[in-house]
């Protein structure tokens, strides 16, 4: 009896060309890299409805994880190390579309006040724990006078600070990573 036969599945598996590899992504400006192993045998996909996740809850979690990673890399690459908060006066704002319009106008006004040149920023909304509606957290990578921020945000109150309390040598990259960590708490 021959140790190998044409129909032996183990032999077929061992004789198949190996096409597995590591897929790597480099983000030099953020000083990060990531990778994933791609196996030679493709994962078996479930037979769900095309365009819909087999497990929507898991898909939601994975989408949030990817968004947090992108936010972290964007903040690090652009050294967004100053955190600000924009709140509404009075009863607040409960309309998400209105908040988006206000924050768009805020950054356009701010850019105009700074001479018209584009600058990097990131922002996320957060619902107040009380019934006050939404407020916004944002990060920028340069000094902006508080008076300019207040003039660009006529809807309420402004708070801004440079990230601090980091180990010696952390620099603007460490500050930006801390700011990104704070902002990404609100990405869900």
C-alpha atoms as a PDB file:
ATOM      1  CA  UNK A   1       0.000   0.000   0.000  1.00  0.00           C
ATOM      2  CA  UNK A   2       1.396   3.354  -1.049  1.00  0.00           C
ATOM      3  CA  UNK A   3       1.640   6.036   1.697  1.00  0.00           C
ATOM      4  CA  UNK A   4       0.213   8.606  -0.717  1.00  0.00           C
ATOM      5  CA  UNK A   5      -2.829   8.317  -2.883  1.00  0.00           C
ATOM      6  CA  UNK A   6      -4.383  10.726  -5.341  1.00  0.00           C
ATOM      7  CA  UNK A   7      -7.539  11.085  -3.252  1.00  0.00           C
ATOM      8  CA  UNK A   8      -5.871  11.596   0.126  1.00  0.00           C
ATOM      9  CA  UNK A   9      -7.091  15.010   1.426  1.00  0.00           C
ATOM     10  CA  UNK A  10      -4.027  15.476   3.638  1.00  0.00           C
ATOM     11  CA  UNK A  11      -1.706  15.034   0.684  1.00  0.00           C
ATOM     12  CA  UNK A  12      -3.790  17.431  -1.389  1.00  0.00           C
ATOM     13  CA  UNK A  13      -3.605  20.006   1.406  1.00  0.00           C
ATOM     14  CA  UNK A  14       0.168  19.593   1.758  1.00  0.00           C
ATOM     15  CA  UNK A  15       0.738  19.815  -2.001  1.00  0.00           C
ATOM     16  CA  UNK A  16      -1.366  22.936  -2.474  1.00  0.00           C
ATOM     17  CA  UNK A  17       0.686  26.086  -3.137  1.00  0.00           C
ATOM     18  CA  UNK A  18       0.967  28.303  -0.091  1.00  0.00           C
ATOM     19  CA  UNK A  19      -0.630  31.681  -0.681  1.00  0.00           C
ATOM     20  CA  UNK A  20      -0.869  32.887   2.910  1.00  0.00           C
ATOM     21  CA  UNK A  21       0.772  36.204   3.725  1.00  0.00           C
ATOM     22  CA  UNK A  22       0.883  39.128   6.114  1.00  0.00           C
ATOM     23  CA  UNK A  23      -0.772  42.331   4.962  1.00  0.00           C
ATOM     24  CA  UNK A  24       0.911  45.361   6.541  1.00  0.00           C
ATOM     25  CA  UNK A  25      -0.106  49.011   6.574  1.00  0.00           C
ATOM     26  CA  UNK A  26       2.318  51.762   7.516  1.00  0.00           C
ATOM     27  CA  UNK A  27       1.316  55.224   8.736  1.00  0.00           C
ATOM     28  CA  UNK A  28       4.643  57.074   8.987  1.00  0.00           C
ATOM     29  CA  UNK A  29       3.192  60.461   9.980  1.00  0.00           C
ATOM     30  CA  UNK A  30       1.379  58.833  12.900  1.00  0.00           C
ATOM     31  CA  UNK A  31       4.376  56.552  13.602  1.00  0.00           C
ATOM     32  CA  UNK A  32       2.139  53.493  13.530  1.00  0.00           C
ATOM     33  CA  UNK A  33       1.859  50.258  11.630  1.00  0.00           C
ATOM     34  CA  UNK A  34      -0.684  47.492  11.654  1.00  0.00           C
ATOM     35  CA  UNK A  35      -1.056  44.142  10.053  1.00  0.00           C
ATOM     36  CA  UNK A  36      -3.250  41.149   9.529  1.00  0.00           C
ATOM     37  CA  UNK A  37      -2.531  37.574   8.536  1.00  0.00           C
ATOM     38  CA  UNK A  38      -4.286  36.449   5.364  1.00  0.00           C
ATOM     39  CA  UNK A  39      -4.621  32.647   5.371  1.00  0.00           C
ATOM     40  CA  UNK A  40      -4.267  30.492   2.275  1.00  0.00           C
ATOM     41  CA  UNK A  41      -7.658  28.923   2.935  1.00  0.00           C
ATOM     42  CA  UNK A  42     -10.288  31.664   2.746  1.00  0.00           C
ATOM     43  CA  UNK A  43     -12.649  32.141   5.637  1.00  0.00           C
ATOM     44  CA  UNK A  44     -16.020  30.591   5.072  1.00  0.00           C
ATOM     45  CA  UNK A  45     -18.574  33.339   4.715  1.00  0.00           C
ATOM     46  CA  UNK A  46     -22.063  32.970   6.067  1.00  0.00           C
ATOM     47  CA  UNK A  47     -24.977  32.921   3.707  1.00  0.00           C
ATOM     48  CA  UNK A  48     -26.634  36.161   4.762  1.00  0.00           C
ATOM     49  CA  UNK A  49     -28.413  38.769   2.709  1.00  0.00           C
ATOM     50  CA  UNK A  50     -26.039  40.671   0.423  1.00  0.00           C
ATOM     51  CA  UNK A  51     -25.267  44.080   1.867  1.00  0.00           C
ATOM     52  CA  UNK A  52     -26.312  43.148   5.404  1.00  0.00           C
ATOM     53  CA  UNK A  53     -24.091  41.911   8.198  1.00  0.00           C
ATOM     54  CA  UNK A  54     -24.657  38.397   9.475  1.00  0.00           C
ATOM     55  CA  UNK A  55     -24.178  39.795  12.995  1.00  0.00           C
ATOM     56  CA  UNK A  56     -25.142  43.519  13.009  1.00  0.00           C
ATOM     57  CA  UNK A  57     -24.014  44.047  16.614  1.00  0.00           C
ATOM     58  CA  UNK A  58     -20.529  42.730  15.842  1.00  0.00           C
ATOM     59  CA  UNK A  59     -20.411  44.767  12.627  1.00  0.00           C
ATOM     60  CA  UNK A  60     -21.264  47.898  14.635  1.00  0.00           C
ATOM     61  CA  UNK A  61     -18.477  47.180  17.147  1.00  0.00           C
ATOM     62  CA  UNK A  62     -15.954  46.528  14.358  1.00  0.00           C
ATOM     63  CA  UNK A  63     -16.939  49.723  12.533  1.00  0.00           C
ATOM     64  CA  UNK A  64     -16.461  51.724  15.755  1.00  0.00           C
ATOM     65  CA  UNK A  65     -13.072  50.059  16.325  1.00  0.00           C
ATOM     66  CA  UNK A  66     -11.929  50.993  12.803  1.00  0.00           C
ATOM     67  CA  UNK A  67     -13.226  54.571  13.224  1.00  0.00           C
ATOM     68  CA  UNK A  68     -11.355  54.954  16.532  1.00  0.00           C
ATOM     69  CA  UNK A  69      -8.150  53.760  14.866  1.00  0.00           C
ATOM     70  CA  UNK A  70      -8.566  56.232  11.999  1.00  0.00           C
ATOM     71  CA  UNK A  71      -9.266  59.048  14.460  1.00  0.00           C
ATOM     72  CA  UNK A  72      -6.184  58.124  16.513  1.00  0.00           C
ATOM     73  CA  UNK A  73      -3.930  58.049  13.437  1.00  0.00           C
ATOM     74  CA  UNK A  74      -5.373  61.327  12.101  1.00  0.00           C
ATOM     75  CA  UNK A  75      -4.812  63.105  15.430  1.00  0.00           C
ATOM     76  CA  UNK A  76      -1.290  61.701  15.746  1.00  0.00           C
ATOM     77  CA  UNK A  77      -0.301  62.471  12.146  1.00  0.00           C
ATOM     78  CA  UNK A  78      -1.539  66.061  12.456  1.00  0.00           C
ATOM     79  CA  UNK A  79      -0.339  66.517  16.057  1.00  0.00           C
ATOM     80  CA  UNK A  80      -3.772  67.623  17.301  1.00  0.00           C
ATOM     81  CA  UNK A  81      -2.739  68.306  20.886  1.00  0.00           C
ATOM     82  CA  UNK A  82      -5.214  70.976  21.998  1.00  0.00           C
ATOM     83  CA  UNK A  83      -8.636  69.897  23.218  1.00  0.00           C
ATOM     84  CA  UNK A  84     -11.677  72.106  23.233  1.00  0.00           C
ATOM     85  CA  UNK A  85     -15.305  71.804  24.263  1.00  0.00           C
ATOM     86  CA  UNK A  86     -18.205  73.768  22.790  1.00  0.00           C
ATOM     87  CA  UNK A  87     -21.449  73.824  24.763  1.00  0.00           C
ATOM     88  CA  UNK A  88     -24.818  75.442  24.163  1.00  0.00           C
ATOM     89  CA  UNK A  89     -26.308  78.006  26.484  1.00  0.00           C
ATOM     90  CA  UNK A  90     -29.860  77.733  27.783  1.00  0.00           C
ATOM     91  CA  UNK A  91     -31.738  74.494  27.112  1.00  0.00           C
ATOM     92  CA  UNK A  92     -29.013  73.280  24.740  1.00  0.00           C
ATOM     93  CA  UNK A  93     -29.396  71.728  21.303  1.00  0.00           C
ATOM     94  CA  UNK A  94     -31.067  68.352  20.783  1.00  0.00           C
ATOM     95  CA  UNK A  95     -31.072  68.281  16.960  1.00  0.00           C
ATOM     96  CA  UNK A  96     -28.072  66.427  15.520  1.00  0.00           C
ATOM     97  CA  UNK A  97     -28.435  68.076  12.091  1.00  0.00           C
ATOM     98  CA  UNK A  98     -28.432  71.509  13.669  1.00  0.00           C
ATOM     99  CA  UNK A  99     -25.313  70.625  15.654  1.00  0.00           C
ATOM    100  CA  UNK A 100     -23.555  69.521  12.447  1.00  0.00           C
ATOM    101  CA  UNK A 101     -24.520  72.798  10.763  1.00  0.00           C
ATOM    102  CA  UNK A 102     -23.264  74.794  13.766  1.00  0.00           C
ATOM    103  CA  UNK A 103     -19.936  72.968  13.962  1.00  0.00           C
ATOM    104  CA  UNK A 104     -19.429  73.356  10.197  1.00  0.00           C
ATOM    105  CA  UNK A 105     -20.034  77.085  10.501  1.00  0.00           C
ATOM    106  CA  UNK A 106     -17.754  77.209  13.558  1.00  0.00           C
ATOM    107  CA  UNK A 107     -14.769  75.746  11.699  1.00  0.00           C
ATOM    108  CA  UNK A 108     -15.425  77.864   8.595  1.00  0.00           C
ATOM    109  CA  UNK A 109     -15.561  81.003  10.789  1.00  0.00           C
ATOM    110  CA  UNK A 110     -12.435  79.942  12.631  1.00  0.00           C
ATOM    111  CA  UNK A 111     -10.559  79.317   9.380  1.00  0.00           C
ATOM    112  CA  UNK A 112     -11.606  82.752   8.125  1.00  0.00           C
ATOM    113  CA  UNK A 113     -10.437  84.391  11.378  1.00  0.00           C
ATOM    114  CA  UNK A 114      -7.084  82.587  11.038  1.00  0.00           C
ATOM    115  CA  UNK A 115      -6.458  83.969   7.549  1.00  0.00           C
ATOM    116  CA  UNK A 116      -8.278  81.441   5.371  1.00  0.00           C
ATOM    117  CA  UNK A 117      -5.667  78.677   5.327  1.00  0.00           C
ATOM    118  CA  UNK A 118      -6.918  75.148   5.960  1.00  0.00           C
ATOM    119  CA  UNK A 119      -5.902  73.510   9.231  1.00  0.00           C
ATOM    120  CA  UNK A 120      -6.354  70.041  10.674  1.00  0.00           C
ATOM    121  CA  UNK A 121      -9.038  69.419  13.267  1.00  0.00           C
ATOM    122  CA  UNK A 122     -11.277  66.643  14.537  1.00  0.00           C
ATOM    123  CA  UNK A 123     -14.548  66.839  16.444  1.00  0.00           C
ATOM    124  CA  UNK A 124     -17.044  64.486  18.064  1.00  0.00           C
ATOM    125  CA  UNK A 125     -20.467  65.115  19.604  1.00  0.00           C
ATOM    126  CA  UNK A 126     -21.460  63.959  23.081  1.00  0.00           C
ATOM    127  CA  UNK A 127     -24.884  63.855  24.704  1.00  0.00           C
ATOM    128  CA  UNK A 128     -24.998  65.550  28.101  1.00  0.00           C
ATOM    129  CA  UNK A 129     -25.728  63.251  31.001  1.00  0.00           C
ATOM    130  CA  UNK A 130     -28.585  65.583  31.885  1.00  0.00           C
ATOM    131  CA  UNK A 131     -31.278  66.649  29.412  1.00  0.00           C
ATOM    132  CA  UNK A 132     -29.184  69.526  28.052  1.00  0.00           C
ATOM    133  CA  UNK A 133     -28.683  67.986  24.598  1.00  0.00           C
ATOM    134  CA  UNK A 134     -25.402  67.787  22.738  1.00  0.00           C
ATOM    135  CA  UNK A 135     -22.046  69.418  23.229  1.00  0.00           C
ATOM    136  CA  UNK A 136     -18.913  69.054  21.108  1.00  0.00           C
ATOM    137  CA  UNK A 137     -15.328  68.066  21.765  1.00  0.00           C
ATOM    138  CA  UNK A 138     -12.693  69.079  19.241  1.00  0.00           C
ATOM    139  CA  UNK A 139      -8.948  68.944  18.783  1.00  0.00           C
ATOM    140  CA  UNK A 140      -6.634  71.264  16.872  1.00  0.00           C
ATOM    141  CA  UNK A 141      -2.884  71.233  16.473  1.00  0.00           C
ATOM    142  CA  UNK A 142      -2.028  74.893  16.859  1.00  0.00           C
ATOM    143  CA  UNK A 143      -2.507  77.758  19.252  1.00  0.00           C
ATOM    144  CA  UNK A 144      -5.715  79.674  18.620  1.00  0.00           C
ATOM    145  CA  UNK A 145      -6.628  82.657  20.763  1.00  0.00           C
ATOM    146  CA  UNK A 146      -9.608  81.975  22.970  1.00  0.00           C
ATOM    147  CA  UNK A 147     -11.242  85.200  21.763  1.00  0.00           C
ATOM    148  CA  UNK A 148     -11.211  83.869  18.167  1.00  0.00           C
ATOM    149  CA  UNK A 149     -12.806  80.590  19.264  1.00  0.00           C
ATOM    150  CA  UNK A 150     -15.470  82.445  21.249  1.00  0.00           C
ATOM    151  CA  UNK A 151     -16.210  84.712  18.273  1.00  0.00           C
ATOM    152  CA  UNK A 152     -16.563  81.671  15.986  1.00  0.00           C
ATOM    153  CA  UNK A 153     -18.944  79.914  18.442  1.00  0.00           C
ATOM    154  CA  UNK A 154     -21.859  82.280  19.196  1.00  0.00           C
ATOM    155  CA  UNK A 155     -24.069  79.502  20.624  1.00  0.00           C
ATOM    156  CA  UNK A 156     -22.696  79.200  24.131  1.00  0.00           C
ATOM    157  CA  UNK A 157     -19.536  78.438  26.038  1.00  0.00           C
ATOM    158  CA  UNK A 158     -15.975  77.507  25.071  1.00  0.00           C
ATOM    159  CA  UNK A 159     -13.235  75.637  26.891  1.00  0.00           C
ATOM    160  CA  UNK A 160      -9.808  74.865  25.407  1.00  0.00           C
ATOM    161  CA  UNK A 161      -6.544  73.508  26.812  1.00  0.00           C
ATOM    162  CA  UNK A 162      -3.223  72.014  25.765  1.00  0.00           C
ATOM    163  CA  UNK A 163      -2.818  68.380  26.757  1.00  0.00           C
ATOM    164  CA  UNK A 164      -0.362  68.069  29.610  1.00  0.00           C
ATOM    165  CA  UNK A 165       0.642  65.803  32.485  1.00  0.00           C
ATOM    166  CA  UNK A 166       2.553  63.423  30.219  1.00  0.00           C
ATOM    167  CA  UNK A 167       5.943  61.824  30.837  1.00  0.00           C
ATOM    168  CA  UNK A 168       9.018  63.818  29.879  1.00  0.00           C
ATOM    169  CA  UNK A 169       9.771  63.361  26.194  1.00  0.00           C
ATOM    170  CA  UNK A 170       6.214  62.527  25.146  1.00  0.00           C
ATOM    171  CA  UNK A 171       6.107  65.666  22.991  1.00  0.00           C
ATOM    172  CA  UNK A 172       3.335  66.689  20.624  1.00  0.00           C
ATOM    173  CA  UNK A 173       2.887  63.116  19.355  1.00  0.00           C
ATOM    174  CA  UNK A 174       2.164  61.835  22.868  1.00  0.00           C
ATOM    175  CA  UNK A 175      -0.141  64.792  23.482  1.00  0.00           C
ATOM    176  CA  UNK A 176      -1.979  64.090  20.221  1.00  0.00           C
ATOM    177  CA  UNK A 177      -2.406  60.419  21.133  1.00  0.00           C
ATOM    178  CA  UNK A 178      -3.903  61.420  24.477  1.00  0.00           C
ATOM    179  CA  UNK A 179      -6.283  63.862  22.762  1.00  0.00           C
ATOM    180  CA  UNK A 180      -7.283  61.130  20.297  1.00  0.00           C
ATOM    181  CA  UNK A 181      -7.946  58.763  23.185  1.00  0.00           C
ATOM    182  CA  UNK A 182     -10.238  61.315  24.751  1.00  0.00           C
ATOM    183  CA  UNK A 183     -12.111  62.014  21.506  1.00  0.00           C
ATOM    184  CA  UNK A 184     -12.442  58.336  20.613  1.00  0.00           C
ATOM    185  CA  UNK A 185     -14.365  57.625  23.821  1.00  0.00           C
ATOM    186  CA  UNK A 186     -17.328  59.221  22.089  1.00  0.00           C
ATOM    187  CA  UNK A 187     -17.064  57.213  18.864  1.00  0.00           C
ATOM    188  CA  UNK A 188     -19.681  54.472  19.177  1.00  0.00           C
END
